[in-house]
């Protein structure tokens, strides 16, 4: 199933129409949909699509040689192999027309032959840059792609004509995978799986969320049971220590000292080094209040797992491995997952609300142009959604309620009280408000919101492509 990715396809098409040689780097997490995106892009174009494997370097060269042969020859020649990678890359210059050449899982090639980036750089400089070839290097090991291809000291540094780190799908696109679900169920599924297409495709909208969790994640044979282990072991040399840190984060530790004490992998300095690596892998993020104009200098940062599925897995699977290995998936679901599931989803609901505000801004449906969208907190309180414009002197404050009860005027009163805590010095004279609710709003709040121009956002609005609808 290919869903969304309109902006990414437009980006690739723009490069394709440039009329010059292109070296485009597409990378991102496993399961994020890189291969499907490139296949969709290539479908109506002459192309070579080579997917590298973990086989020996000579076997990789033979397979790539066969792909080049089949592009220009009707007959099959299983015995044909270029004598070297340099010869194979040089052969791309002789391909007719405007060919797209995809080297998928490029990091596998590098793992088998460290000289390939240098060889490709040599051939690009001497020959390919003056051709019509559209070369796409695609890889899943984010760290290796940034180090070996995009990094300042990498042989191919400065040769790329475009690059893109493919993100997970936002909630509206993720919801399309489960069309029979209600918006509430779609948000719950997104809270568990995030926007990874492969994960979303494993769930069935013919079963409820807990049945899917039981079958796909908790069961010993579930398709997603060991997914995080495979993901992190590919990128990390000491996965055990990183697993401990991620579990501490999933259990609620957010500050460096708390994480260090909870993970027990060393002192705060050692823990900080591990956290920096997890940030480089886009697995962990350090957030600061959105009102801070210099977040890199702020000491109030809180760490959190950015990937929804990793957050779920380290919250509910990793701590209960022993019970799950004993076949107690039903008990883990009943005694561990269900009692705290709404609380778990509430954090994702806040993220969805912040993403919604960002979509409003992109659609030109905010009264100001925000520079930052996030949240706010200090010792006196916290606000779930904050959008800030220094230039316009504007502030949007939002509160999220994932509750069975409709939101009433007391929540708006409390949010307006918090405005004085967020901005005690009046830096942002134009303050507006938004409330996000799972179960709607009371009649009294609906009337007051109309009078005070408060934006009320039901859960249904968060799963639609049009944020203004």
Protein backbone atom coordinates (compact mmCIF):
# COMPACT_ATOMS: atom_id res chain seq x y z
CA UNK A 1 0.00 0.00 0.00
CA UNK A 2 1.49 3.33 -1.09
CA UNK A 3 0.03 6.27 0.82
CA UNK A 4 0.85 9.97 0.83
CA UNK A 5 4.48 11.04 0.16
CA UNK A 6 3.23 13.69 -2.28
CA UNK A 7 5.89 16.24 -1.31
CA UNK A 8 8.64 13.63 -1.58
CA UNK A 9 7.52 12.57 -5.05
CA UNK A 10 7.40 16.20 -6.19
CA UNK A 11 10.94 16.68 -4.88
CA UNK A 12 12.22 13.66 -6.82
CA UNK A 13 10.34 14.70 -9.97
CA UNK A 14 11.86 18.18 -9.78
CA UNK A 15 15.35 16.70 -9.70
CA UNK A 16 14.46 14.32 -12.52
CA UNK A 17 13.39 17.21 -14.75
CA UNK A 18 16.61 19.15 -14.10
CA UNK A 19 18.21 17.84 -17.30
CA UNK A 20 21.54 17.22 -15.62
CA UNK A 21 23.24 14.39 -13.79
CA UNK A 22 21.78 13.89 -10.32
CA UNK A 23 23.19 12.13 -7.28
CA UNK A 24 20.33 11.98 -4.79
CA UNK A 25 20.70 10.51 -1.28
CA UNK A 26 17.52 9.11 0.29
CA UNK A 27 17.83 7.66 3.76
CA UNK A 28 15.81 6.93 6.86
CA UNK A 29 14.81 4.32 9.41
CA UNK A 30 14.04 0.74 8.47
CA UNK A 31 10.35 0.26 7.64
CA UNK A 32 9.75 3.96 6.89
CA UNK A 33 8.92 3.25 3.23
CA UNK A 34 12.02 4.34 1.30
CA UNK A 35 11.93 1.43 -1.16
CA UNK A 36 8.21 1.85 -1.89
CA UNK A 37 8.69 5.57 -2.45
CA UNK A 38 11.49 5.02 -4.97
CA UNK A 39 9.62 2.17 -6.69
CA UNK A 40 6.61 4.45 -7.09
CA UNK A 41 8.82 7.20 -8.49
CA UNK A 42 10.53 4.83 -10.95
CA UNK A 43 7.39 3.07 -12.16
CA UNK A 44 6.96 5.12 -15.35
CA UNK A 45 10.64 5.77 -16.03
CA UNK A 46 13.49 3.72 -17.51
CA UNK A 47 15.34 2.47 -14.46
CA UNK A 48 17.70 0.01 -12.84
CA UNK A 49 16.64 -0.99 -9.34
CA UNK A 50 19.40 -2.81 -7.49
CA UNK A 51 18.82 -3.92 -3.90
CA UNK A 52 22.06 -4.76 -2.11
CA UNK A 53 22.22 -7.63 0.36
CA UNK A 54 24.65 -8.92 2.95
CA UNK A 55 26.23 -11.34 0.46
CA UNK A 56 29.90 -11.27 -0.53
CA UNK A 57 31.23 -8.31 -2.48
CA UNK A 58 31.85 -10.37 -5.63
CA UNK A 59 28.27 -11.62 -5.57
CA UNK A 60 26.99 -8.05 -5.19
CA UNK A 61 29.06 -6.92 -8.18
CA UNK A 62 27.75 -9.84 -10.26
CA UNK A 63 24.13 -9.02 -9.38
CA UNK A 64 24.59 -5.34 -10.18
CA UNK A 65 26.28 -6.23 -13.47
CA UNK A 66 23.28 -8.35 -14.45
CA UNK A 67 20.91 -5.45 -13.75
CA UNK A 68 22.94 -3.20 -16.05
CA UNK A 69 23.04 -5.89 -18.74
CA UNK A 70 19.27 -6.40 -18.65
CA UNK A 71 18.69 -2.67 -19.09
CA UNK A 72 20.31 -2.65 -22.53
CA UNK A 73 19.97 -6.26 -23.71
CA UNK A 74 16.90 -8.33 -24.47
CA UNK A 75 18.74 -11.61 -24.01
CA UNK A 76 19.81 -12.98 -20.63
CA UNK A 77 23.48 -13.52 -19.87
CA UNK A 78 23.83 -15.02 -16.42
CA UNK A 79 27.58 -15.25 -16.74
CA UNK A 80 28.24 -11.58 -17.42
CA UNK A 81 30.05 -9.63 -14.70
CA UNK A 82 32.05 -6.42 -14.87
CA UNK A 83 35.66 -6.89 -13.79
CA UNK A 84 35.39 -4.23 -11.07
CA UNK A 85 33.02 -1.79 -9.39
CA UNK A 86 34.72 1.03 -11.25
CA UNK A 87 33.94 -0.63 -14.58
CA UNK A 88 30.30 -1.16 -13.49
CA UNK A 89 29.88 2.46 -12.46
CA UNK A 90 31.50 3.66 -15.70
CA UNK A 91 29.02 1.57 -17.66
CA UNK A 92 26.21 3.76 -16.30
CA UNK A 93 27.45 6.56 -18.54
CA UNK A 94 26.55 4.49 -21.63
CA UNK A 95 22.92 3.91 -20.64
CA UNK A 96 20.55 5.56 -23.13
CA UNK A 97 18.04 8.29 -22.35
CA UNK A 98 17.45 9.58 -18.84
CA UNK A 99 17.91 6.45 -16.71
CA UNK A 100 17.19 6.26 -13.00
CA UNK A 101 19.71 4.02 -11.23
CA UNK A 102 18.75 3.06 -7.67
CA UNK A 103 21.28 1.52 -5.31
CA UNK A 104 19.01 0.46 -2.46
CA UNK A 105 20.48 -0.56 0.91
CA UNK A 106 23.69 1.16 -0.15
CA UNK A 107 25.12 0.69 3.34
CA UNK A 108 25.21 -3.07 2.70
CA UNK A 109 27.56 -2.40 -0.21
CA UNK A 110 29.77 -0.27 2.04
CA UNK A 111 29.79 -2.98 4.72
CA UNK A 112 31.13 -5.46 2.16
CA UNK A 113 33.54 -3.08 0.45
CA UNK A 114 34.66 0.10 2.20
CA UNK A 115 36.18 1.48 -1.01
CA UNK A 116 32.89 1.75 -2.93
CA UNK A 117 32.17 5.41 -1.95
CA UNK A 118 35.69 6.38 -3.09
CA UNK A 119 35.30 4.45 -6.35
CA UNK A 120 31.93 6.07 -7.03
CA UNK A 121 33.36 9.51 -6.23
CA UNK A 122 36.17 8.99 -8.74
CA UNK A 123 33.81 7.84 -11.51
CA UNK A 124 31.33 10.63 -10.74
CA UNK A 125 34.01 13.31 -10.97
CA UNK A 126 35.59 11.92 -14.11
CA UNK A 127 32.53 10.82 -16.04
CA UNK A 128 29.04 10.53 -14.56
CA UNK A 129 28.53 14.17 -13.60
CA UNK A 130 28.50 15.03 -17.31
CA UNK A 131 25.82 12.46 -18.23
CA UNK A 132 22.03 12.21 -17.93
CA UNK A 133 22.06 9.55 -15.21
CA UNK A 134 19.82 10.01 -12.15
CA UNK A 135 21.59 8.07 -9.39
CA UNK A 136 19.74 7.43 -6.13
CA UNK A 137 21.66 6.10 -3.12
CA UNK A 138 19.20 4.71 -0.62
CA UNK A 139 20.02 3.39 2.86
CA UNK A 140 18.55 2.52 6.24
CA UNK A 141 21.49 2.87 8.61
CA UNK A 142 21.01 6.54 9.40
CA UNK A 143 24.34 6.85 11.19
CA UNK A 144 26.33 5.20 8.42
CA UNK A 145 24.58 7.15 5.67
CA UNK A 146 25.37 10.44 7.37
CA UNK A 147 28.92 9.40 8.18
CA UNK A 148 29.97 7.59 5.00
CA UNK A 149 28.04 9.60 2.38
CA UNK A 150 26.91 12.96 3.74
CA UNK A 151 29.69 13.61 6.25
CA UNK A 152 32.33 16.28 5.67
CA UNK A 153 35.14 13.71 5.47
CA UNK A 154 33.19 11.24 3.31
CA UNK A 155 34.48 10.66 -0.25
CA UNK A 156 31.13 11.66 -1.76
CA UNK A 157 30.87 14.87 0.27
CA UNK A 158 29.90 17.76 -2.00
CA UNK A 159 28.82 15.52 -4.90
CA UNK A 160 25.19 15.00 -3.95
CA UNK A 161 22.70 17.18 -5.77
CA UNK A 162 19.95 16.45 -3.28
CA UNK A 163 19.27 14.50 -0.10
CA UNK A 164 16.29 13.71 2.06
CA UNK A 165 15.82 12.06 5.43
CA UNK A 166 12.46 10.33 4.99
CA UNK A 167 10.29 10.86 8.09
CA UNK A 168 7.50 8.70 9.42
CA UNK A 169 3.98 9.45 8.17
CA UNK A 170 1.93 12.02 10.03
CA UNK A 171 -1.31 10.94 11.69
CA UNK A 172 -3.70 11.73 8.78
CA UNK A 173 -1.70 9.54 6.38
CA UNK A 174 -1.22 6.81 8.98
CA UNK A 175 -4.98 6.70 9.59
CA UNK A 176 -5.58 5.71 5.96
CA UNK A 177 -4.06 2.28 6.70
CA UNK A 178 -6.99 1.50 9.02
CA UNK A 179 -10.06 2.98 7.27
CA UNK A 180 -12.64 0.92 9.20
CA UNK A 181 -11.41 2.29 12.52
CA UNK A 182 -13.07 5.29 14.14
CA UNK A 183 -10.89 8.40 14.55
CA UNK A 184 -10.39 7.47 18.21
CA UNK A 185 -9.15 4.01 17.24
CA UNK A 186 -6.93 5.48 14.53
CA UNK A 187 -5.28 7.76 17.09
CA UNK A 188 -4.81 4.79 19.43
CA UNK A 189 -3.17 2.77 16.66
CA UNK A 190 -0.91 5.70 15.78
CA UNK A 191 0.03 6.04 19.45
CA UNK A 192 1.23 2.42 19.39
CA UNK A 193 2.77 2.21 15.90
CA UNK A 194 3.59 5.76 14.90
CA UNK A 195 3.82 6.55 11.22
CA UNK A 196 5.90 3.61 10.02
CA UNK A 197 4.08 2.09 7.02
CA UNK A 198 5.32 -1.45 7.64
CA UNK A 199 4.08 -1.42 11.23
CA UNK A 200 0.71 0.03 10.26
CA UNK A 201 0.25 -2.59 7.57
CA UNK A 202 0.55 -5.38 10.16
CA UNK A 203 -2.56 -4.23 12.02
CA UNK A 204 -6.07 -5.17 10.88
CA UNK A 205 -9.00 -2.79 11.25
CA UNK A 206 -11.25 -5.85 11.51
CA UNK A 207 -9.98 -6.39 15.07
CA UNK A 208 -9.81 -3.92 17.95
CA UNK A 209 -6.59 -2.28 19.10
CA UNK A 210 -5.97 -4.71 21.97
CA UNK A 211 -6.44 -7.78 19.77
CA UNK A 212 -3.87 -6.34 17.36
CA UNK A 213 -1.44 -5.58 20.17
CA UNK A 214 -1.86 -9.12 21.48
CA UNK A 215 -1.35 -10.79 18.09
CA UNK A 216 1.28 -8.57 16.47
CA UNK A 217 3.39 -7.35 19.40
CA UNK A 218 2.97 -9.42 22.56
CA UNK A 219 2.70 -12.88 21.01
CA UNK A 220 6.03 -14.72 20.73
CA UNK A 221 5.41 -15.16 17.00
CA UNK A 222 4.07 -11.64 16.44
CA UNK A 223 5.51 -9.82 13.44
CA UNK A 224 6.62 -6.85 15.56
CA UNK A 225 7.67 -8.70 18.71
CA UNK A 226 11.44 -8.40 18.08
CA UNK A 227 11.47 -5.48 15.67
CA UNK A 228 13.22 -2.97 18.00
CA UNK A 229 15.96 -5.49 18.78
CA UNK A 230 16.75 -5.91 15.09
CA UNK A 231 16.58 -2.17 14.48
CA UNK A 232 18.93 -1.16 17.29
CA UNK A 233 21.37 -4.05 16.95
CA UNK A 234 22.02 -2.98 13.37
CA UNK A 235 23.09 0.50 14.44
CA UNK A 236 24.60 0.06 17.91
CA UNK A 237 27.63 -1.74 19.26
CA UNK A 238 26.43 -1.98 22.87
CA UNK A 239 22.67 -2.49 22.51
CA UNK A 240 22.21 -3.66 26.09
CA UNK A 241 23.15 -0.27 27.57
CA UNK A 242 21.01 1.59 25.06
CA UNK A 243 18.11 -0.73 25.83
CA UNK A 244 18.41 0.16 29.51
CA UNK A 245 18.34 3.87 28.71
CA UNK A 246 15.33 3.51 26.44
CA UNK A 247 13.47 1.52 29.06
CA UNK A 248 14.17 4.26 31.65
CA UNK A 249 12.83 6.85 29.23
CA UNK A 250 9.72 4.78 28.49
CA UNK A 251 9.04 4.39 32.21
CA UNK A 252 8.95 8.16 32.69
CA UNK A 253 12.51 9.31 33.35
CA UNK A 254 13.09 12.52 31.41
CA UNK A 255 16.04 14.33 33.02
CA UNK A 256 19.65 13.26 32.68
CA UNK A 257 20.17 12.34 36.34
CA UNK A 258 16.87 10.41 36.44
CA UNK A 259 17.80 8.49 33.30
CA UNK A 260 21.28 7.74 34.63
CA UNK A 261 19.87 6.38 37.89
CA UNK A 262 17.11 4.40 36.17
CA UNK A 263 19.31 2.88 33.46
CA UNK A 264 22.37 2.15 35.64
CA UNK A 265 24.82 2.22 32.74
CA UNK A 266 27.30 4.56 34.38
CA UNK A 267 27.45 8.13 35.62
CA UNK A 268 25.65 11.09 34.08
CA UNK A 269 28.54 11.78 31.69
CA UNK A 270 28.42 8.25 30.31
CA UNK A 271 24.62 8.37 30.06
CA UNK A 272 24.81 11.70 28.21
CA UNK A 273 27.15 10.12 25.64
CA UNK A 274 24.68 7.31 25.01
CA UNK A 275 21.83 9.80 24.74
CA UNK A 276 23.76 11.85 22.18
CA UNK A 277 24.16 8.77 19.99
CA UNK A 278 20.45 7.95 20.30
CA UNK A 279 19.68 11.52 19.26
CA UNK A 280 21.93 11.13 16.22
CA UNK A 281 19.91 8.04 15.28
CA UNK A 282 16.65 10.06 15.61
CA UNK A 283 15.47 7.64 18.30
CA UNK A 284 15.59 10.12 21.19
CA UNK A 285 14.97 13.85 21.28
CA UNK A 286 15.76 16.54 23.82
CA UNK A 287 12.92 19.03 24.16
CA UNK A 288 12.98 22.46 25.73
CA UNK A 289 10.06 24.85 26.32
CA UNK A 290 8.87 26.38 23.06
CA UNK A 291 9.21 29.85 24.54
CA UNK A 292 12.99 29.51 24.68
CA UNK A 293 14.58 31.37 21.77
CA UNK A 294 17.93 29.56 22.20
CA UNK A 295 17.05 25.93 22.91
CA UNK A 296 20.64 24.73 22.57
CA UNK A 297 21.62 26.89 25.57
CA UNK A 298 18.66 25.95 27.74
CA UNK A 299 19.26 23.65 30.70
CA UNK A 300 15.61 22.65 31.21
CA UNK A 301 15.64 20.08 28.43
CA UNK A 302 13.71 16.84 28.84
CA UNK A 303 14.54 13.66 26.93
CA UNK A 304 11.93 11.45 25.33
CA UNK A 305 11.71 8.59 22.83
CA UNK A 306 10.60 10.09 19.53
CA UNK A 307 9.41 6.88 17.86
CA UNK A 308 5.94 5.79 19.00
CA UNK A 309 6.48 2.06 18.54
CA UNK A 310 9.80 2.08 20.41
CA UNK A 311 8.06 4.02 23.16
CA UNK A 312 5.33 1.35 23.37
CA UNK A 313 7.75 -1.57 23.11
CA UNK A 314 10.06 -0.32 25.85
CA UNK A 315 7.10 0.56 28.05
CA UNK A 316 5.25 -2.74 27.77
CA UNK A 317 7.29 -5.45 26.04
CA UNK A 318 10.88 -5.06 27.23
CA UNK A 319 10.06 -5.00 30.98
CA UNK A 320 7.76 -8.04 30.58
CA UNK A 321 9.97 -10.22 28.39
CA UNK A 322 10.10 -13.00 30.96
CA UNK A 323 6.33 -13.25 31.27
CA UNK A 324 5.85 -13.05 27.51
CA UNK A 325 8.43 -15.80 26.94
CA UNK A 326 6.38 -17.97 29.31
CA UNK A 327 3.32 -17.52 27.08
CA UNK A 328 1.57 -15.03 29.36
CA UNK A 329 0.66 -12.52 26.66
CA UNK A 330 -3.00 -12.40 27.76
CA UNK A 331 -1.98 -11.62 31.34
CA UNK A 332 0.47 -8.93 30.26
CA UNK A 333 -2.23 -7.35 28.11
CA UNK A 334 -4.79 -7.43 30.92
CA UNK A 335 -2.55 -6.45 33.84
CA UNK A 336 0.11 -4.24 32.25
CA UNK A 337 -1.19 -2.71 29.03
CA UNK A 338 -4.90 -2.10 29.55
CA UNK A 339 -4.73 -0.32 32.96
CA UNK A 340 -2.36 2.41 31.71
CA UNK A 341 -3.20 2.46 28.00
CA UNK A 342 -5.25 5.68 28.04
CA UNK A 343 -2.45 7.46 29.86
CA UNK A 344 0.01 6.17 27.25
CA UNK A 345 -2.20 7.37 24.37
CA UNK A 346 -2.64 10.78 25.99
CA UNK A 347 1.03 11.62 25.34
CA UNK A 348 0.62 10.74 21.67
CA UNK A 349 -2.56 12.82 21.56
CA UNK A 350 -0.51 15.83 22.66
CA UNK A 351 2.01 15.15 19.90
CA UNK A 352 -0.82 14.86 17.38
CA UNK A 353 -2.19 18.22 18.56
CA UNK A 354 1.20 19.90 18.09
CA UNK A 355 1.51 18.38 14.62
CA UNK A 356 -2.00 19.67 13.85
CA UNK A 357 -0.97 23.22 14.77
CA UNK A 358 2.07 22.89 12.51
CA UNK A 359 -0.24 21.79 9.65
CA UNK A 360 -2.49 24.77 10.33
CA UNK A 361 0.53 27.04 9.97
CA UNK A 362 1.59 25.38 6.70
CA UNK A 363 -1.95 25.83 5.38
CA UNK A 364 -1.91 29.53 6.33
CA UNK A 365 -4.72 29.04 8.85
CA UNK A 366 -3.04 30.58 11.87
CA UNK A 367 -3.29 34.30 12.54
CA UNK A 368 0.50 34.50 12.84
CA UNK A 369 3.63 32.85 11.46
CA UNK A 370 5.09 30.60 14.19
CA UNK A 371 8.81 30.06 14.61
CA UNK A 372 8.42 27.19 17.07
CA UNK A 373 5.71 24.71 17.98
CA UNK A 374 6.13 22.61 21.10
CA UNK A 375 5.09 22.65 24.74
CA UNK A 376 5.99 24.58 27.90
CA UNK A 377 6.76 23.71 31.48
CA UNK A 378 8.44 24.94 34.63
CA UNK A 379 8.06 24.29 38.34
CA UNK A 380 4.66 26.02 38.40
CA UNK A 381 2.92 24.08 35.64
CA UNK A 382 2.88 22.94 32.04
CA UNK A 383 1.06 23.62 28.77
CA UNK A 384 0.60 20.83 26.21
CA UNK A 385 0.70 22.91 23.01
CA UNK A 386 2.56 26.18 22.45
CA UNK A 387 3.15 28.01 19.18
CA UNK A 388 5.41 31.06 19.32
CA UNK A 389 6.06 34.00 17.00
CA UNK A 390 8.68 36.43 18.21
CA UNK A 391 8.23 38.60 15.11
CA UNK A 392 4.45 38.90 15.50
CA UNK A 393 4.44 38.96 19.30
CA UNK A 394 1.94 36.11 19.22
CA UNK A 395 1.39 33.04 21.33
CA UNK A 396 -1.00 30.11 20.92
CA UNK A 397 -1.60 28.00 24.03
CA UNK A 398 -3.40 24.68 23.87
CA UNK A 399 -4.57 22.01 26.29
CA UNK A 400 -5.25 18.35 25.41
CA UNK A 401 -7.71 16.07 27.21
CA UNK A 402 -7.82 12.36 26.37
CA UNK A 403 -10.81 11.65 28.59
CA UNK A 404 -14.26 10.06 28.38
CA UNK A 405 -15.76 13.32 29.64
CA UNK A 406 -16.36 16.38 27.44
CA UNK A 407 -14.08 19.33 28.10
CA UNK A 408 -15.73 22.14 30.05
CA UNK A 409 -15.11 25.82 30.78
CA UNK A 410 -12.93 24.97 33.78
CA UNK A 411 -10.22 23.71 31.41
CA UNK A 412 -10.29 27.00 29.49
CA UNK A 413 -10.13 28.95 32.75
CA UNK A 414 -7.08 26.97 33.81
CA UNK A 415 -5.39 27.48 30.45
CA UNK A 416 -5.95 31.22 30.60
CA UNK A 417 -4.49 31.24 34.09
CA UNK A 418 -1.40 29.45 32.79
CA UNK A 419 -0.92 32.16 30.17
CA UNK A 420 0.31 34.45 32.95
CA UNK A 421 2.83 31.80 33.99
CA UNK A 422 4.09 31.28 30.45
CA UNK A 423 4.48 34.99 29.73
CA UNK A 424 4.76 36.94 33.00
CA UNK A 425 6.58 39.84 31.31
CA UNK A 426 4.20 40.32 28.39
CA UNK A 427 6.63 39.36 25.62
CA UNK A 428 3.73 38.13 23.48
CA UNK A 429 0.79 40.58 23.66
CA UNK A 430 -1.38 38.58 21.23
CA UNK A 431 -2.42 35.36 23.00
CA UNK A 432 -4.91 32.86 21.59
CA UNK A 433 -6.18 29.53 22.87
CA UNK A 434 -7.00 26.06 21.57
CA UNK A 435 -8.51 23.02 23.27
CA UNK A 436 -8.18 19.46 21.99
CA UNK A 437 -10.60 16.79 23.22
CA UNK A 438 -11.18 13.09 22.77
CA UNK A 439 -14.85 13.32 23.78
CA UNK A 440 -15.95 16.75 22.61
CA UNK A 441 -16.96 19.86 24.54
CA UNK A 442 -19.74 20.92 26.88
CA UNK A 443 -22.47 23.29 25.60
CA UNK A 444 -21.21 25.99 27.96
CA UNK A 445 -17.70 25.78 26.51
CA UNK A 446 -19.01 25.77 22.95
CA UNK A 447 -20.88 29.01 23.63
CA UNK A 448 -17.98 30.67 25.37
CA UNK A 449 -15.48 29.58 22.73
CA UNK A 450 -17.60 31.24 20.05
CA UNK A 451 -17.62 34.50 22.04
CA UNK A 452 -13.90 34.46 22.86
CA UNK A 453 -12.64 33.04 19.55
CA UNK A 454 -11.16 29.92 21.17
CA UNK A 455 -10.26 27.16 18.73
CA UNK A 456 -11.93 23.85 19.67
CA UNK A 457 -10.49 20.75 18.01
CA UNK A 458 -12.17 17.36 18.25
CA UNK A 459 -10.20 14.14 17.82
CA UNK A 460 -11.76 13.67 14.39
CA UNK A 461 -10.03 16.79 13.07
CA UNK A 462 -6.57 15.43 13.90
CA UNK A 463 -6.88 12.53 11.44
CA UNK A 464 -7.98 14.59 8.46
CA UNK A 465 -5.67 15.93 5.76
CA UNK A 466 -7.39 19.31 5.85
CA UNK A 467 -6.59 20.89 9.25
CA UNK A 468 -9.20 23.57 8.79
CA UNK A 469 -12.12 21.22 8.24
